[in-house]
C-alpha cells in the first residue's frame, strides 16, 4: 500500500489535462458533483454509483462507552455515520483471482 492520496485538487488537475476546459470550470464541476453526492447521502441516506459502490448513512443509537484514560463510563451521543461498500465488480477488479 502506498502513502499517496488522491486529492480533490489532483482530480481537478487530471480532468483539466484530459479536457479543453479551464481549471476554474473543472474545479466548479467537481465541487458541484461532490455537493450533489453529499446532498444525496444527507437526504436519502444512500448514494449508488454503478460499478463503483454505494455510500450509505445510518443512525447509531446512544451507547455506553469508556474513557480509556480515566476508565470512566460515559454515554456516547447518538450520531449518523456513513459507510462505503464496494460493488462486486470493483471488488473483483481490486482482488483478481490468480
N, C-alpha and C. Protein backbone atom coordinates (compact mmCIF):
# COMPACT_ATOMS: atom_id res chain seq x y z
N UNK A 1 0.85 -1.18 0.00
CA UNK A 1 0.00 0.00 0.00
C UNK A 1 0.89 1.25 0.00
N UNK A 2 0.53 2.21 -0.82
CA UNK A 2 1.35 3.42 -0.91
C UNK A 2 0.81 4.52 0.00
N UNK A 3 1.64 5.52 0.22
CA UNK A 3 1.23 6.65 1.04
C UNK A 3 0.56 7.74 0.22
N UNK A 4 0.44 7.53 -1.09
CA UNK A 4 -0.15 8.54 -1.96
C UNK A 4 -1.66 8.61 -1.73
N UNK A 5 -2.17 9.81 -1.70
CA UNK A 5 -3.60 10.03 -1.57
C UNK A 5 -4.03 10.94 -2.70
N UNK A 6 -5.06 10.52 -3.41
CA UNK A 6 -5.61 11.34 -4.48
C UNK A 6 -6.48 12.41 -3.85
N UNK A 7 -6.16 13.67 -4.08
CA UNK A 7 -6.91 14.77 -3.50
C UNK A 7 -7.88 15.36 -4.52
N UNK A 8 -8.75 16.21 -4.03
CA UNK A 8 -9.68 16.91 -4.92
C UNK A 8 -8.91 17.72 -5.95
N UNK A 9 -7.84 18.36 -5.54
CA UNK A 9 -7.01 19.14 -6.47
C UNK A 9 -6.40 18.24 -7.54
N UNK A 10 -6.00 17.02 -7.16
CA UNK A 10 -5.46 16.06 -8.12
C UNK A 10 -6.52 15.67 -9.15
N UNK A 11 -7.74 15.46 -8.68
CA UNK A 11 -8.85 15.11 -9.59
C UNK A 11 -9.08 16.24 -10.58
N UNK A 12 -9.12 17.47 -10.07
CA UNK A 12 -9.30 18.64 -10.94
C UNK A 12 -8.19 18.69 -11.98
N UNK A 13 -6.97 18.47 -11.55
CA UNK A 13 -5.83 18.54 -12.46
C UNK A 13 -5.91 17.46 -13.55
N UNK A 14 -6.27 16.25 -13.16
CA UNK A 14 -6.37 15.17 -14.15
C UNK A 14 -7.46 15.44 -15.17
N UNK A 15 -8.60 15.92 -14.71
CA UNK A 15 -9.70 16.25 -15.64
C UNK A 15 -9.28 17.40 -16.54
N UNK A 16 -8.65 18.40 -15.97
CA UNK A 16 -8.16 19.55 -16.74
C UNK A 16 -7.24 19.10 -17.87
N UNK A 17 -6.33 18.18 -17.56
CA UNK A 17 -5.37 17.69 -18.55
C UNK A 17 -6.04 16.90 -19.68
N UNK A 18 -7.19 16.29 -19.38
CA UNK A 18 -7.86 15.44 -20.37
C UNK A 18 -8.94 16.18 -21.16
N UNK A 19 -9.24 17.41 -20.80
CA UNK A 19 -10.31 18.14 -21.47
C UNK A 19 -9.80 19.49 -21.95
N UNK A 20 -10.65 20.18 -22.69
CA UNK A 20 -10.28 21.51 -23.18
C UNK A 20 -10.84 22.61 -22.28
N UNK A 21 -11.39 22.24 -21.14
CA UNK A 21 -11.95 23.23 -20.22
C UNK A 21 -10.85 23.87 -19.39
N UNK A 22 -11.16 25.06 -18.85
CA UNK A 22 -10.17 25.69 -17.99
C UNK A 22 -10.30 25.15 -16.56
N UNK A 23 -9.26 25.37 -15.77
CA UNK A 23 -9.21 24.82 -14.41
C UNK A 23 -10.38 25.28 -13.56
N UNK A 24 -10.76 26.54 -13.68
CA UNK A 24 -11.85 27.07 -12.86
C UNK A 24 -13.16 26.34 -13.16
N UNK A 25 -13.41 26.07 -14.44
CA UNK A 25 -14.61 25.32 -14.83
C UNK A 25 -14.58 23.91 -14.25
N UNK A 26 -13.45 23.26 -14.39
CA UNK A 26 -13.31 21.89 -13.90
C UNK A 26 -13.49 21.86 -12.38
N UNK A 27 -12.86 22.79 -11.69
CA UNK A 27 -12.98 22.84 -10.23
C UNK A 27 -14.43 23.03 -9.81
N UNK A 28 -15.13 23.91 -10.50
CA UNK A 28 -16.54 24.17 -10.18
C UNK A 28 -17.39 22.91 -10.42
N UNK A 29 -17.12 22.19 -11.49
CA UNK A 29 -17.88 20.98 -11.78
C UNK A 29 -17.59 19.87 -10.77
N UNK A 30 -16.35 19.74 -10.36
CA UNK A 30 -16.00 18.76 -9.33
C UNK A 30 -16.70 19.13 -8.02
N UNK A 31 -16.68 20.40 -7.66
CA UNK A 31 -17.37 20.87 -6.44
C UNK A 31 -18.87 20.58 -6.54
N UNK A 32 -19.46 20.84 -7.72
CA UNK A 32 -20.89 20.58 -7.92
C UNK A 32 -21.20 19.10 -7.75
N UNK A 33 -20.37 18.24 -8.34
CA UNK A 33 -20.58 16.80 -8.24
C UNK A 33 -20.50 16.34 -6.78
N UNK A 34 -19.49 16.81 -6.07
CA UNK A 34 -19.36 16.42 -4.67
C UNK A 34 -20.52 16.94 -3.83
N UNK A 35 -20.99 18.13 -4.15
CA UNK A 35 -22.16 18.69 -3.45
C UNK A 35 -23.40 17.84 -3.68
N UNK A 36 -23.61 17.40 -4.92
CA UNK A 36 -24.74 16.52 -5.23
C UNK A 36 -24.62 15.22 -4.46
N UNK A 37 -23.42 14.67 -4.41
CA UNK A 37 -23.20 13.41 -3.70
C UNK A 37 -23.47 13.57 -2.20
N UNK A 38 -22.97 14.64 -1.61
CA UNK A 38 -23.19 14.87 -0.17
C UNK A 38 -24.67 15.06 0.12
N UNK A 39 -25.36 15.81 -0.73
CA UNK A 39 -26.78 16.06 -0.52
C UNK A 39 -27.57 14.75 -0.61
N UNK A 40 -27.20 13.88 -1.55
CA UNK A 40 -27.88 12.59 -1.70
C UNK A 40 -27.74 11.75 -0.44
N UNK A 41 -26.55 11.70 0.11
CA UNK A 41 -26.33 10.91 1.33
C UNK A 41 -27.10 11.53 2.50
N UNK A 42 -27.10 12.86 2.59
CA UNK A 42 -27.82 13.53 3.68
C UNK A 42 -29.32 13.30 3.59
N UNK A 43 -29.88 13.45 2.39
CA UNK A 43 -31.34 13.36 2.22
C UNK A 43 -31.84 11.93 2.13
N UNK A 44 -31.19 11.13 1.31
CA UNK A 44 -31.69 9.79 1.01
C UNK A 44 -31.00 8.69 1.81
N UNK A 45 -29.94 9.06 2.49
CA UNK A 45 -29.15 8.10 3.27
C UNK A 45 -28.49 7.04 2.39
N UNK A 46 -28.46 7.26 1.08
CA UNK A 46 -27.78 6.31 0.20
C UNK A 46 -27.42 6.98 -1.12
N UNK A 47 -26.29 6.56 -1.68
CA UNK A 47 -25.84 7.03 -2.99
C UNK A 47 -25.19 5.84 -3.67
N UNK A 48 -25.78 5.40 -4.78
CA UNK A 48 -25.29 4.26 -5.52
C UNK A 48 -24.62 4.73 -6.80
N UNK A 49 -23.37 4.33 -7.00
CA UNK A 49 -22.64 4.60 -8.24
C UNK A 49 -22.33 3.24 -8.85
N UNK A 50 -23.08 2.90 -9.88
CA UNK A 50 -22.97 1.59 -10.51
C UNK A 50 -21.53 1.29 -10.92
N UNK A 51 -21.07 0.09 -10.60
CA UNK A 51 -19.72 -0.33 -10.95
C UNK A 51 -18.65 0.20 -10.01
N UNK A 52 -19.05 1.00 -9.04
CA UNK A 52 -18.09 1.58 -8.09
C UNK A 52 -18.45 1.16 -6.67
N UNK A 53 -19.63 1.57 -6.21
CA UNK A 53 -20.04 1.20 -4.86
C UNK A 53 -21.20 2.04 -4.37
N UNK A 54 -21.49 1.87 -3.11
CA UNK A 54 -22.64 2.53 -2.51
C UNK A 54 -22.22 3.20 -1.20
N UNK A 55 -22.55 4.48 -1.07
CA UNK A 55 -22.37 5.21 0.18
C UNK A 55 -23.70 5.13 0.92
N UNK A 56 -23.65 4.72 2.17
CA UNK A 56 -24.87 4.63 2.98
C UNK A 56 -24.65 5.30 4.32
N UNK A 57 -25.63 6.09 4.72
CA UNK A 57 -25.61 6.71 6.04
C UNK A 57 -26.64 5.99 6.91
N UNK A 58 -26.32 5.84 8.16
CA UNK A 58 -27.29 5.26 9.07
C UNK A 58 -27.11 5.87 10.46
N UNK A 59 -28.19 5.81 11.22
CA UNK A 59 -28.19 6.39 12.56
C UNK A 59 -27.73 5.35 13.58
N UNK A 60 -26.83 5.77 14.44
CA UNK A 60 -26.40 4.93 15.55
C UNK A 60 -27.07 5.47 16.81
N UNK A 61 -27.53 4.57 17.64
CA UNK A 61 -28.17 4.96 18.89
C UNK A 61 -27.12 5.36 19.92
N UNK A 62 -27.58 6.03 20.95
CA UNK A 62 -26.69 6.33 22.07
C UNK A 62 -26.22 5.00 22.66
N UNK A 63 -24.99 4.98 23.15
CA UNK A 63 -24.48 3.73 23.69
C UNK A 63 -23.48 4.01 24.81
N UNK A 64 -23.24 2.97 25.59
CA UNK A 64 -22.26 3.08 26.66
C UNK A 64 -20.87 3.05 26.08
N UNK A 65 -20.00 3.83 26.67
CA UNK A 65 -18.61 3.84 26.25
C UNK A 65 -17.73 3.97 27.48
N UNK A 66 -16.43 4.10 27.25
CA UNK A 66 -15.50 4.21 28.36
C UNK A 66 -14.37 5.13 27.94
N UNK A 67 -14.03 6.05 28.82
CA UNK A 67 -12.88 6.92 28.59
C UNK A 67 -11.63 6.08 28.90
N UNK A 68 -10.79 5.81 27.88
CA UNK A 68 -9.64 4.93 28.13
C UNK A 68 -8.60 5.51 29.08
N UNK A 69 -8.57 6.83 29.23
CA UNK A 69 -7.58 7.43 30.12
C UNK A 69 -8.00 7.35 31.58
N UNK A 70 -9.31 7.54 31.83
CA UNK A 70 -9.79 7.58 33.21
C UNK A 70 -10.57 6.33 33.61
N UNK A 71 -10.87 5.47 32.62
CA UNK A 71 -11.69 4.27 32.85
C UNK A 71 -13.12 4.63 33.23
N UNK A 72 -13.49 5.91 33.13
CA UNK A 72 -14.84 6.36 33.49
C UNK A 72 -15.83 5.91 32.43
N UNK A 73 -17.02 5.42 32.86
CA UNK A 73 -18.08 5.05 31.94
C UNK A 73 -18.77 6.32 31.47
N UNK A 74 -19.06 6.38 30.18
CA UNK A 74 -19.75 7.54 29.62
C UNK A 74 -20.82 7.05 28.65
N UNK A 75 -21.75 7.93 28.33
CA UNK A 75 -22.76 7.64 27.32
C UNK A 75 -22.40 8.42 26.06
N UNK A 76 -22.20 7.69 24.96
CA UNK A 76 -21.89 8.33 23.68
C UNK A 76 -23.18 8.77 23.02
N UNK A 77 -23.22 9.98 22.53
CA UNK A 77 -24.42 10.53 21.91
C UNK A 77 -24.79 9.77 20.63
N UNK A 78 -26.09 9.79 20.29
CA UNK A 78 -26.48 9.20 19.00
C UNK A 78 -25.86 10.03 17.87
N UNK A 79 -25.59 9.37 16.74
CA UNK A 79 -24.98 10.09 15.63
C UNK A 79 -25.27 9.36 14.33
N UNK A 80 -25.03 10.05 13.25
CA UNK A 80 -25.18 9.45 11.93
C UNK A 80 -23.79 9.18 11.37
N UNK A 81 -23.60 7.98 10.83
CA UNK A 81 -22.32 7.61 10.25
C UNK A 81 -22.52 7.24 8.79
N UNK A 82 -21.46 7.31 8.02
CA UNK A 82 -21.51 6.97 6.60
C UNK A 82 -20.51 5.86 6.33
N UNK A 83 -20.93 4.86 5.58
CA UNK A 83 -20.05 3.77 5.19
C UNK A 83 -20.05 3.65 3.67
N UNK A 84 -18.98 3.05 3.15
CA UNK A 84 -18.88 2.80 1.72
C UNK A 84 -18.73 1.32 1.50
N UNK A 85 -19.55 0.78 0.60
CA UNK A 85 -19.47 -0.63 0.26
C UNK A 85 -19.12 -0.75 -1.22
N UNK A 86 -18.06 -1.47 -1.52
CA UNK A 86 -17.64 -1.67 -2.91
C UNK A 86 -18.67 -2.47 -3.69
N UNK A 87 -18.81 -2.18 -4.97
CA UNK A 87 -19.63 -3.02 -5.82
C UNK A 87 -18.88 -4.34 -6.05
N UNK A 88 -19.61 -5.37 -6.43
CA UNK A 88 -18.96 -6.66 -6.70
C UNK A 88 -17.95 -6.52 -7.82
N UNK A 89 -18.31 -5.76 -8.85
CA UNK A 89 -17.43 -5.57 -9.99
C UNK A 89 -16.11 -4.92 -9.57
N UNK A 90 -16.19 -3.85 -8.80
CA UNK A 90 -14.98 -3.15 -8.36
C UNK A 90 -14.17 -4.04 -7.42
N UNK A 91 -14.85 -4.75 -6.52
CA UNK A 91 -14.16 -5.65 -5.60
C UNK A 91 -13.36 -6.69 -6.38
N UNK A 92 -13.96 -7.24 -7.45
CA UNK A 92 -13.25 -8.26 -8.23
C UNK A 92 -12.07 -7.63 -9.02
N UNK A 93 -12.19 -6.35 -9.38
CA UNK A 93 -11.06 -5.66 -10.03
C UNK A 93 -9.91 -5.44 -9.05
N UNK A 94 -10.26 -5.16 -7.78
CA UNK A 94 -9.22 -4.96 -6.77
C UNK A 94 -8.57 -6.28 -6.36
N UNK A 95 -9.33 -7.35 -6.40
CA UNK A 95 -8.85 -8.66 -5.95
C UNK A 95 -9.02 -9.70 -7.05
N UNK A 96 -8.27 -9.56 -8.14
CA UNK A 96 -8.41 -10.53 -9.23
C UNK A 96 -7.94 -11.91 -8.78
N UNK A 97 -8.64 -12.90 -9.27
CA UNK A 97 -8.24 -14.28 -8.94
C UNK A 97 -7.06 -14.66 -9.82
N UNK A 98 -6.08 -15.28 -9.21
CA UNK A 98 -4.89 -15.70 -9.96
C UNK A 98 -5.20 -16.73 -10.98
